[in-house]
């Protein structure tokens, strides 16, 4: 595929509006409490009874952080008390056992991810025990061919931490960096040195981690094109396998920690655009491939290979190389996808504990997808992963006539075609280099719930 990106500032300004990141479709805004534990159990049972049960993907949410980063919008528990993890892990072990009973033991776990929070907040003994409990109830791979990843905070990596993670089965890690500039780090309450960051990268490589990813954020207080360029130069020099460069969405009314960030310290919209342009130009010139939705990878990284092969997928952890998996999500607020449903666990620790203490799975809400949902999800996934769509493939798989079913959507797409975002030829949609940064906008055209103008609260696309 053509990996070229064109940065058109005028187009970006014109299309810059709020919208979903499409880690699922329908998005979590559509989840409802009519969907409950009984529904989830029924879908798990059905998933075992299909002609060819799908492999599994496991996600574990470990919410604890030692300190709060002011930009953070994650579901987390900020505490200095390491003992607070113990009662949570006890319930998580119980949920693992309950979930494990629902799925045929022959189903291999192809993908596993620990997120948070800061998963490395817990002790080495707790890390070992959590993986042991998981192996007791699920069939994990023992050949290192699965995609087993963990999010690490370089400030929370103790001696032997990475060696332990590698020994229990992890082969990928991602770490937050955000920005190396001291004034920016102070403003967002994340003081992290270059030395400790790159020490983790180098040790991970020495231990044989197959992919190391770093996260950056643009739009943070005091950032300028010049200052962010210095961080980019250092990151490029270190050469991680993947990079995620996220747009900071300042929503202090929704996320309390962000109230500690002064709006007047944030870069202007134009400066943010300039930073984004510099980022794209710097990373592509350094040989990174733009995967989509803020993600870059080296050409030989599995994400880039999967995109070239047409097998790239997107789920709640972002882009993935494992499309055909049922996602079993465990821990407070975790979102899973089993069969044709999405489910989300209880959001507060008290409610999460209460459900498990009374013998129930902590399912809080969810949704069962209808045929229209599945059709639109397939289209959005294809576009957001591969920037192209073959209408005839969709027609054959879903039994529709594309131009009739999506007559209204095609009218909107023709406007985007006139603006140079994409090409329509009657049988396909092809996103052009100027439209790749606006892929969320293109996908939003196919979002039936947005079209119905239901309540939505999303970050800006740029």
Protein backbone atom coordinates (compact mmCIF):
# COMPACT_ATOMS: atom_id res chain seq x y z
CA UNK A 1 0.00 0.00 0.00
CA UNK A 2 0.98 3.63 -0.44
CA UNK A 3 2.23 4.97 2.91
CA UNK A 4 2.48 8.60 1.79
CA UNK A 5 0.83 11.24 3.98
CA UNK A 6 0.08 14.78 2.88
CA UNK A 7 -0.25 17.38 5.63
CA UNK A 8 -2.87 19.89 4.47
CA UNK A 9 -3.32 22.42 7.28
CA UNK A 10 -6.39 24.03 5.72
CA UNK A 11 -8.14 20.67 5.35
CA UNK A 12 -7.24 19.68 8.91
CA UNK A 13 -8.67 22.92 10.28
CA UNK A 14 -11.86 22.52 8.28
CA UNK A 15 -12.47 18.95 9.41
CA UNK A 16 -11.25 19.29 12.99
CA UNK A 17 -14.22 18.27 15.12
CA UNK A 18 -14.91 15.82 17.92
CA UNK A 19 -15.31 12.14 17.11
CA UNK A 20 -14.72 8.57 18.28
CA UNK A 21 -11.38 6.79 18.07
CA UNK A 22 -13.21 3.61 16.96
CA UNK A 23 -11.54 1.08 19.20
CA UNK A 24 -15.01 -0.45 18.88
CA UNK A 25 -18.16 0.01 16.86
CA UNK A 26 -20.67 0.69 18.27
CA UNK A 27 -18.63 2.83 20.64
CA UNK A 28 -18.89 2.61 24.43
CA UNK A 29 -21.36 5.52 24.43
CA UNK A 30 -23.95 3.03 23.13
CA UNK A 31 -23.41 0.44 25.87
CA UNK A 32 -26.42 0.05 28.19
CA UNK A 33 -27.26 -1.59 31.51
CA UNK A 34 -30.00 -3.79 30.00
CA UNK A 35 -27.08 -5.96 28.89
CA UNK A 36 -26.02 -7.97 31.96
CA UNK A 37 -24.08 -10.96 33.24
CA UNK A 38 -26.66 -13.41 31.91
CA UNK A 39 -26.28 -12.01 28.40
CA UNK A 40 -22.50 -12.19 28.63
CA UNK A 41 -22.56 -15.80 29.81
CA UNK A 42 -24.87 -16.73 26.93
CA UNK A 43 -22.48 -15.18 24.39
CA UNK A 44 -19.50 -16.97 25.96
CA UNK A 45 -21.38 -20.28 25.67
CA UNK A 46 -22.24 -19.58 22.02
CA UNK A 47 -18.60 -18.72 21.28
CA UNK A 48 -17.58 -22.24 22.33
CA UNK A 49 -20.27 -23.89 20.20
CA UNK A 50 -19.33 -22.42 16.82
CA UNK A 51 -17.94 -24.75 14.18
CA UNK A 52 -14.47 -23.32 14.74
CA UNK A 53 -14.16 -21.51 18.09
CA UNK A 54 -11.94 -18.46 17.85
CA UNK A 55 -8.69 -18.10 19.80
CA UNK A 56 -8.70 -15.79 22.79
CA UNK A 57 -7.27 -12.40 23.63
CA UNK A 58 -7.00 -11.52 27.32
CA UNK A 59 -6.89 -8.01 28.76
CA UNK A 60 -6.19 -7.22 32.42
CA UNK A 61 -6.75 -3.76 33.89
CA UNK A 62 -4.33 -2.91 36.73
CA UNK A 63 -5.43 0.58 37.81
CA UNK A 64 -2.79 1.60 40.34
CA UNK A 65 -0.40 4.54 39.93
CA UNK A 66 2.13 5.91 42.38
CA UNK A 67 1.59 9.50 41.19
CA UNK A 68 -0.99 11.16 38.97
CA UNK A 69 -0.05 12.56 35.56
CA UNK A 70 -2.23 15.63 35.13
CA UNK A 71 -3.08 14.91 31.48
CA UNK A 72 -4.35 11.39 32.22
CA UNK A 73 -7.90 10.35 31.32
CA UNK A 74 -7.52 6.67 32.30
CA UNK A 75 -9.49 4.85 35.00
CA UNK A 76 -6.91 4.68 37.80
CA UNK A 77 -6.29 4.56 41.53
CA UNK A 78 -3.50 6.89 42.67
CA UNK A 79 -1.81 5.74 45.87
CA UNK A 80 1.59 5.44 47.52
CA UNK A 81 0.36 2.40 49.47
CA UNK A 82 1.51 -0.69 47.56
CA UNK A 83 -0.58 -2.90 49.86
CA UNK A 84 -3.76 -1.59 48.23
CA UNK A 85 -3.06 -3.81 45.23
CA UNK A 86 -3.47 -7.02 47.22
CA UNK A 87 -7.26 -7.02 47.75
CA UNK A 88 -7.76 -5.97 44.13
CA UNK A 89 -5.56 -8.77 42.84
CA UNK A 90 -7.43 -11.25 45.01
CA UNK A 91 -10.68 -10.32 43.26
CA UNK A 92 -8.96 -10.30 39.87
CA UNK A 93 -7.78 -13.88 40.51
CA UNK A 94 -11.38 -14.78 41.32
CA UNK A 95 -12.61 -13.21 38.10
CA UNK A 96 -9.95 -15.06 36.10
CA UNK A 97 -11.21 -18.36 37.54
CA UNK A 98 -14.85 -17.48 36.77
CA UNK A 99 -14.05 -16.34 33.25
CA UNK A 100 -11.85 -19.37 32.61
CA UNK A 101 -14.82 -21.66 33.34
CA UNK A 102 -16.77 -20.06 30.50
CA UNK A 103 -14.33 -20.83 27.70
CA UNK A 104 -13.23 -24.13 26.22
CA UNK A 105 -9.72 -24.92 27.45
CA UNK A 106 -8.71 -25.88 23.89
CA UNK A 107 -8.94 -22.22 22.84
CA UNK A 108 -5.42 -20.83 22.75
CA UNK A 109 -4.64 -17.34 24.08
CA UNK A 110 -3.00 -15.70 21.07
CA UNK A 111 -2.94 -12.22 22.61
CA UNK A 112 -2.55 -10.96 26.17
CA UNK A 113 -2.19 -7.43 27.48
CA UNK A 114 -1.77 -5.79 30.88
CA UNK A 115 -2.84 -2.14 30.94
CA UNK A 116 -3.65 0.49 33.50
CA UNK A 117 -2.82 2.49 35.45
CA UNK A 118 0.69 1.22 35.87
CA UNK A 119 0.86 -2.60 35.73
CA UNK A 120 4.43 -2.55 37.09
CA UNK A 121 3.08 -0.90 40.28
CA UNK A 122 2.52 -4.39 41.71
CA UNK A 123 5.37 -6.38 43.26
CA UNK A 124 7.46 -9.00 41.47
CA UNK A 125 5.75 -11.72 43.50
CA UNK A 126 2.33 -10.39 42.52
CA UNK A 127 3.36 -10.28 38.85
CA UNK A 128 4.43 -13.92 39.01
CA UNK A 129 1.27 -14.98 40.84
CA UNK A 130 -1.06 -13.17 38.44
CA UNK A 131 0.50 -14.90 35.46
CA UNK A 132 0.44 -18.26 37.28
CA UNK A 133 -3.28 -17.87 38.00
CA UNK A 134 -3.90 -16.95 34.38
CA UNK A 135 -2.06 -20.05 33.17
CA UNK A 136 -4.07 -22.16 35.57
CA UNK A 137 -7.37 -21.13 33.99
CA UNK A 138 -6.49 -20.32 30.37
CA UNK A 139 -4.34 -22.03 27.76
CA UNK A 140 -1.44 -19.64 27.28
CA UNK A 141 1.14 -20.24 24.58
CA UNK A 142 4.52 -21.49 25.71
CA UNK A 143 6.36 -20.99 22.40
CA UNK A 144 6.72 -17.17 22.56
CA UNK A 145 4.68 -16.80 19.35
CA UNK A 146 1.74 -15.03 20.96
CA UNK A 147 1.39 -11.25 21.21
CA UNK A 148 1.86 -10.78 24.97
CA UNK A 149 2.32 -7.13 25.88
CA UNK A 150 2.48 -4.92 28.94
CA UNK A 151 2.50 -1.18 29.58
CA UNK A 152 5.43 -0.08 31.72
CA UNK A 153 6.38 3.17 33.39
CA UNK A 154 10.19 3.50 33.27
CA UNK A 155 10.04 5.11 36.70
CA UNK A 156 8.44 1.92 38.06
CA UNK A 157 10.92 -0.55 36.59
CA UNK A 158 12.97 -2.03 39.42
CA UNK A 159 16.07 -4.24 39.09
CA UNK A 160 15.05 -7.56 37.52
CA UNK A 161 11.55 -6.29 36.60
CA UNK A 162 12.05 -6.66 32.85
CA UNK A 163 13.79 -10.02 33.22
CA UNK A 164 10.83 -11.25 35.26
CA UNK A 165 8.32 -9.97 32.70
CA UNK A 166 10.21 -11.73 29.94
CA UNK A 167 10.43 -14.97 31.92
CA UNK A 168 6.67 -15.12 32.58
CA UNK A 169 5.88 -14.74 28.89
CA UNK A 170 5.76 -11.08 27.89
CA UNK A 171 7.45 -10.35 24.57
CA UNK A 172 6.26 -6.79 23.87
CA UNK A 173 6.18 -3.67 25.96
CA UNK A 174 5.05 -0.10 25.59
CA UNK A 175 6.19 2.80 27.71
CA UNK A 176 4.99 6.34 28.24
CA UNK A 177 7.41 9.17 27.48
CA UNK A 178 5.15 12.07 26.46
CA UNK A 179 7.90 14.74 26.38
CA UNK A 180 11.48 15.07 27.62
CA UNK A 181 11.39 18.84 28.20
CA UNK A 182 11.70 19.61 31.95
CA UNK A 183 9.21 22.51 31.86
CA UNK A 184 6.60 20.27 30.21
CA UNK A 185 7.24 17.38 32.58
CA UNK A 186 6.84 19.66 35.59
CA UNK A 187 3.58 21.12 34.24
CA UNK A 188 2.03 17.65 33.83
CA UNK A 189 3.59 16.14 36.99
CA UNK A 190 5.57 13.45 35.19
CA UNK A 191 9.28 13.79 35.86
CA UNK A 192 11.05 11.11 33.84
CA UNK A 193 14.65 11.26 32.74
CA UNK A 194 16.01 10.29 29.35
CA UNK A 195 18.50 7.98 31.05
CA UNK A 196 15.90 5.83 32.82
CA UNK A 197 13.71 5.76 29.71
CA UNK A 198 16.41 4.57 27.35
CA UNK A 199 17.79 2.16 29.95
CA UNK A 200 14.45 0.32 29.81
CA UNK A 201 14.52 0.30 26.00
CA UNK A 202 18.07 -1.08 25.88
CA UNK A 203 17.44 -3.73 28.52
CA UNK A 204 14.23 -4.84 26.79
CA UNK A 205 16.15 -5.33 23.57
CA UNK A 206 18.88 -7.28 25.34
CA UNK A 207 16.25 -9.55 26.90
CA UNK A 208 14.67 -10.31 23.53
CA UNK A 209 11.41 -8.36 23.68
CA UNK A 210 10.15 -8.52 20.10
CA UNK A 211 8.67 -5.02 19.99
CA UNK A 212 9.13 -1.90 22.12
CA UNK A 213 6.73 1.00 21.70
CA UNK A 214 6.91 4.55 23.06
CA UNK A 215 4.05 7.00 23.62
CA UNK A 216 4.33 10.74 23.04
CA UNK A 217 1.69 13.44 23.49
CA UNK A 218 1.47 16.72 21.58
CA UNK A 219 -0.56 19.66 22.82
CA UNK A 220 0.77 19.61 26.40
CA UNK A 221 1.52 22.85 28.29
CA UNK A 222 4.61 24.82 27.18
CA UNK A 223 5.23 22.67 24.11
CA UNK A 224 6.53 24.39 20.98
CA UNK A 225 7.62 23.09 17.61
CA UNK A 226 11.24 23.63 18.62
CA UNK A 227 10.94 21.95 22.02
CA UNK A 228 8.99 18.94 20.75
CA UNK A 229 11.51 18.60 17.94
CA UNK A 230 14.21 18.03 20.54
CA UNK A 231 12.21 15.18 22.06
CA UNK A 232 11.55 13.68 18.63
CA UNK A 233 15.25 13.77 17.77
CA UNK A 234 16.11 11.84 20.93
CA UNK A 235 13.38 9.28 20.35
CA UNK A 236 14.36 8.76 16.72
CA UNK A 237 17.96 8.33 17.81
CA UNK A 238 16.92 5.53 20.15
CA UNK A 239 14.82 3.89 17.42
CA UNK A 240 11.85 2.17 19.15
CA UNK A 241 9.92 -0.32 17.01
CA UNK A 242 6.66 1.59 17.31
CA UNK A 243 5.53 5.06 18.29
CA UNK A 244 2.16 6.42 19.32
CA UNK A 245 1.85 10.19 19.14
CA UNK A 246 -1.41 11.25 20.75
CA UNK A 247 -3.25 14.54 20.65
CA UNK A 248 -3.84 15.88 24.18
CA UNK A 249 -7.54 16.52 24.68
CA UNK A 250 -8.03 19.11 27.43
CA UNK A 251 -11.35 18.16 29.07
CA UNK A 252 -11.03 19.32 32.69
CA UNK A 253 -14.79 19.13 33.20
CA UNK A 254 -14.58 15.35 32.58
CA UNK A 255 -11.18 14.46 34.03
CA UNK A 256 -10.34 16.00 37.40
CA UNK A 257 -6.51 15.76 37.18
CA UNK A 258 -6.58 17.98 34.09
CA UNK A 259 -7.82 20.86 36.24
CA UNK A 260 -4.21 21.18 37.40
CA UNK A 261 -3.20 22.17 33.86
CA UNK A 262 -3.58 25.85 33.04
CA UNK A 263 -5.37 26.42 29.75
CA UNK A 264 -3.25 29.49 29.06
CA UNK A 265 -0.10 27.31 29.09
CA UNK A 266 -1.36 25.09 26.27
CA UNK A 267 -0.04 25.62 22.73
CA UNK A 268 -2.37 27.38 20.33
CA UNK A 269 -4.34 25.33 17.78
CA UNK A 270 -1.94 26.51 15.06
CA UNK A 271 1.11 25.55 17.13
CA UNK A 272 -0.42 22.11 17.71
CA UNK A 273 -0.86 21.69 13.96
CA UNK A 274 2.73 22.74 13.42
CA UNK A 275 3.91 20.21 16.01
CA UNK A 276 1.88 17.49 14.31
CA UNK A 277 3.35 18.39 10.93
CA UNK A 278 6.89 18.28 12.32
CA UNK A 279 6.16 14.90 13.95
CA UNK A 280 4.88 13.34 10.73
CA UNK A 281 7.73 14.71 8.63
CA UNK A 282 10.41 13.71 11.16
CA UNK A 283 9.16 10.17 11.68
CA UNK A 284 8.50 9.39 8.02
CA UNK A 285 11.89 10.79 7.02
CA UNK A 286 13.43 8.53 9.69
CA UNK A 287 11.84 5.52 7.97
CA UNK A 288 8.76 4.97 10.11
CA UNK A 289 5.51 3.92 8.42
CA UNK A 290 2.30 5.75 9.31
CA UNK A 291 -0.05 2.95 10.38
CA UNK A 292 -2.95 5.28 11.15
CA UNK A 293 -4.64 6.96 14.12
CA UNK A 294 -1.45 8.41 15.68
CA UNK A 295 0.56 5.18 15.24
CA UNK A 296 3.90 4.75 13.48
CA UNK A 297 6.02 1.61 13.10
CA UNK A 298 9.24 0.46 11.53
CA UNK A 299 8.63 -1.23 8.15
CA UNK A 300 9.69 -4.63 9.56
CA UNK A 301 7.49 -4.36 12.67
CA UNK A 302 4.57 -6.79 12.82
CA UNK A 303 2.03 -3.95 12.64
CA UNK A 304 3.46 -2.67 9.37
CA UNK A 305 3.71 -6.21 7.99
CA UNK A 306 0.09 -6.93 8.96
CA UNK A 307 -1.07 -3.74 7.27
CA UNK A 308 0.74 -4.70 4.07
CA UNK A 309 -0.76 -8.20 4.25
CA UNK A 310 -4.28 -6.91 4.84
CA UNK A 311 -4.56 -8.56 8.27
CA UNK A 312 -4.28 -5.52 10.55
CA UNK A 313 -7.10 -5.13 13.09
CA UNK A 314 -8.16 -2.56 15.68
CA UNK A 315 -9.56 -3.19 19.16
CA UNK A 316 -9.56 -1.65 22.63
CA UNK A 317 -5.77 -1.88 22.87
CA UNK A 318 -5.35 -0.08 19.54
CA UNK A 319 -3.96 -1.70 16.39
CA UNK A 320 -3.41 -5.45 16.54
CA UNK A 321 -2.13 -8.29 14.40
CA UNK A 322 -4.73 -10.72 15.78
CA UNK A 323 -8.13 -10.05 14.22
CA UNK A 324 -9.95 -13.32 14.82
CA UNK A 325 -10.01 -13.43 18.62
CA UNK A 326 -12.66 -13.19 21.29
CA UNK A 327 -11.45 -10.56 23.76
CA UNK A 328 -11.96 -11.50 27.41
CA UNK A 329 -11.41 -8.40 29.56
CA UNK A 330 -10.83 -8.59 33.30
CA UNK A 331 -10.46 -6.02 36.05
CA UNK A 332 -12.46 -2.90 36.87
CA UNK A 333 -13.79 -0.94 33.86
CA UNK A 334 -12.30 -3.44 31.36
CA UNK A 335 -14.14 -3.82 28.04
CA UNK A 336 -14.36 -7.16 26.25
CA UNK A 337 -15.72 -8.46 22.95
CA UNK A 338 -17.08 -12.02 22.85
CA UNK A 339 -19.10 -13.24 19.89
CA UNK A 340 -21.38 -10.44 18.74
CA UNK A 341 -21.36 -8.50 22.00
CA UNK A 342 -19.33 -5.95 23.90
CA UNK A 343 -19.32 -5.90 27.69
CA UNK A 344 -17.83 -3.59 30.29
CA UNK A 345 -16.98 -4.34 33.91
CA UNK A 346 -17.94 -2.22 36.89
CA UNK A 347 -16.11 1.12 36.92
CA UNK A 348 -15.51 1.56 40.65
CA UNK A 349 -13.47 -0.68 42.89
CA UNK A 350 -16.29 -1.01 45.43
CA UNK A 351 -18.77 -2.20 42.80
CA UNK A 352 -16.18 -4.49 41.22
CA UNK A 353 -15.43 -6.07 44.61
CA UNK A 354 -19.14 -6.36 45.51
CA UNK A 355 -20.02 -8.29 42.36
CA UNK A 356 -17.21 -10.81 42.78
CA UNK A 357 -17.76 -11.16 46.53
CA UNK A 358 -21.33 -12.27 45.82
CA UNK A 359 -20.30 -14.78 43.17
CA UNK A 360 -21.13 -12.69 40.10
CA UNK A 361 -19.10 -11.61 37.11
CA UNK A 362 -18.69 -7.82 37.41
CA UNK A 363 -20.48 -7.01 34.12
CA UNK A 364 -21.93 -3.49 34.38
CA UNK A 365 -23.21 -2.85 30.85
CA UNK A 366 -22.75 -3.83 27.23
CA UNK A 367 -24.44 -4.25 23.87
CA UNK A 368 -25.44 -7.02 21.48
CA UNK A 369 -24.65 -6.10 17.88
CA UNK A 370 -27.33 -6.35 15.22
CA UNK A 371 -26.63 -7.01 11.54
CA UNK A 372 -26.33 -3.30 10.76
CA UNK A 373 -23.79 -2.87 13.58
CA UNK A 374 -21.67 -5.74 12.25
CA UNK A 375 -21.82 -4.38 8.70
CA UNK A 376 -20.76 -0.89 9.73
CA UNK A 377 -18.09 -2.24 12.08
CA UNK A 378 -16.56 -4.21 9.21
CA UNK A 379 -16.46 -1.10 7.02
CA UNK A 380 -15.01 1.16 9.72
CA UNK A 381 -12.38 -1.44 10.69
CA UNK A 382 -11.30 -1.91 7.08
CA UNK A 383 -10.99 1.83 6.47
CA UNK A 384 -9.21 2.66 9.71
CA UNK A 385 -6.70 -0.19 9.26
CA UNK A 386 -6.12 -0.21 5.50
CA UNK A 387 -7.38 3.14 4.11
CA UNK A 388 -9.33 1.30 1.39
CA UNK A 389 -12.60 -0.57 0.98
CA UNK A 390 -13.81 -2.94 -1.73
CA UNK A 391 -17.58 -2.46 -1.93
CA UNK A 392 -18.11 -5.75 -3.76
CA UNK A 393 -16.49 -7.71 -0.92
CA UNK A 394 -18.88 -6.02 1.53
CA UNK A 395 -21.85 -6.77 -0.72
CA UNK A 396 -21.04 -10.47 -1.02
CA UNK A 397 -20.33 -10.93 2.69
CA UNK A 398 -23.34 -9.00 4.02
CA UNK A 399 -25.90 -9.52 1.27
CA UNK A 400 -26.53 -5.87 0.45
CA UNK A 401 -26.27 -3.53 -2.50
CA UNK A 402 -23.74 -0.97 -1.29
CA UNK A 403 -24.94 2.01 -3.29
CA UNK A 404 -28.52 1.50 -2.10
CA UNK A 405 -27.78 0.70 1.55
CA UNK A 406 -25.33 3.59 1.93
CA UNK A 407 -26.90 6.11 -0.45
CA UNK A 408 -26.89 8.86 2.18
CA UNK A 409 -23.32 8.08 3.26
CA UNK A 410 -22.09 8.19 -0.34
CA UNK A 411 -23.41 11.73 -0.68
CA UNK A 412 -21.20 12.78 2.24
CA UNK A 413 -18.25 10.84 0.84
CA UNK A 414 -18.57 12.66 -2.49
CA UNK A 415 -18.05 15.95 -0.65
CA UNK A 416 -14.90 14.46 0.89
CA UNK A 417 -13.87 13.33 -2.58
CA UNK A 418 -14.19 16.90 -3.84
CA UNK A 419 -12.00 18.02 -0.92
CA UNK A 420 -9.30 15.51 -1.88
CA UNK A 421 -9.66 13.18 1.11
CA UNK A 422 -10.58 10.08 -0.88
CA UNK A 423 -11.43 8.57 -4.24
CA UNK A 424 -14.73 6.88 -5.18
CA UNK A 425 -15.03 4.86 -8.36
CA UNK A 426 -18.32 3.01 -7.84
CA UNK A 427 -16.72 -0.19 -6.54
CA UNK A 428 -14.20 1.01 -3.98
CA UNK A 429 -13.20 3.74 -1.55
CA UNK A 430 -9.54 4.72 -1.44
CA UNK A 431 -8.29 7.18 1.16
CA UNK A 432 -5.81 9.61 -0.38
CA UNK A 433 -2.60 10.82 1.35
CA UNK A 434 -4.35 14.08 2.36
CA UNK A 435 -7.20 12.11 3.96
CA UNK A 436 -5.22 9.70 6.11
CA UNK A 437 -4.94 12.09 9.05
CA UNK A 438 -8.72 12.52 8.84
CA UNK A 439 -9.60 8.83 8.76
CA UNK A 440 -11.79 9.29 11.84
CA UNK A 441 -13.91 11.79 9.91
CA UNK A 442 -14.28 9.34 7.04
CA UNK A 443 -15.29 6.53 9.40
CA UNK A 444 -17.78 8.83 11.14
CA UNK A 445 -19.76 8.98 7.90
CA UNK A 446 -20.69 5.31 8.45
CA UNK A 447 -21.57 5.73 12.15
CA UNK A 448 -25.35 5.33 12.37
CA UNK A 449 -25.45 6.52 15.97
CA UNK A 450 -23.63 9.76 15.20
CA UNK A 451 -25.99 10.31 12.29
CA UNK A 452 -28.89 9.97 14.71
CA UNK A 453 -27.24 12.80 16.72
CA UNK A 454 -27.26 10.95 20.00
CA UNK A 455 -25.25 12.38 22.91
CA UNK A 456 -21.51 12.15 22.36
CA UNK A 457 -18.40 13.32 24.15
CA UNK A 458 -15.23 12.70 22.22
CA UNK A 459 -11.83 14.25 21.70
CA UNK A 460 -10.98 16.33 18.65
CA UNK A 461 -9.74 14.30 15.68
CA UNK A 462 -6.61 16.47 15.36
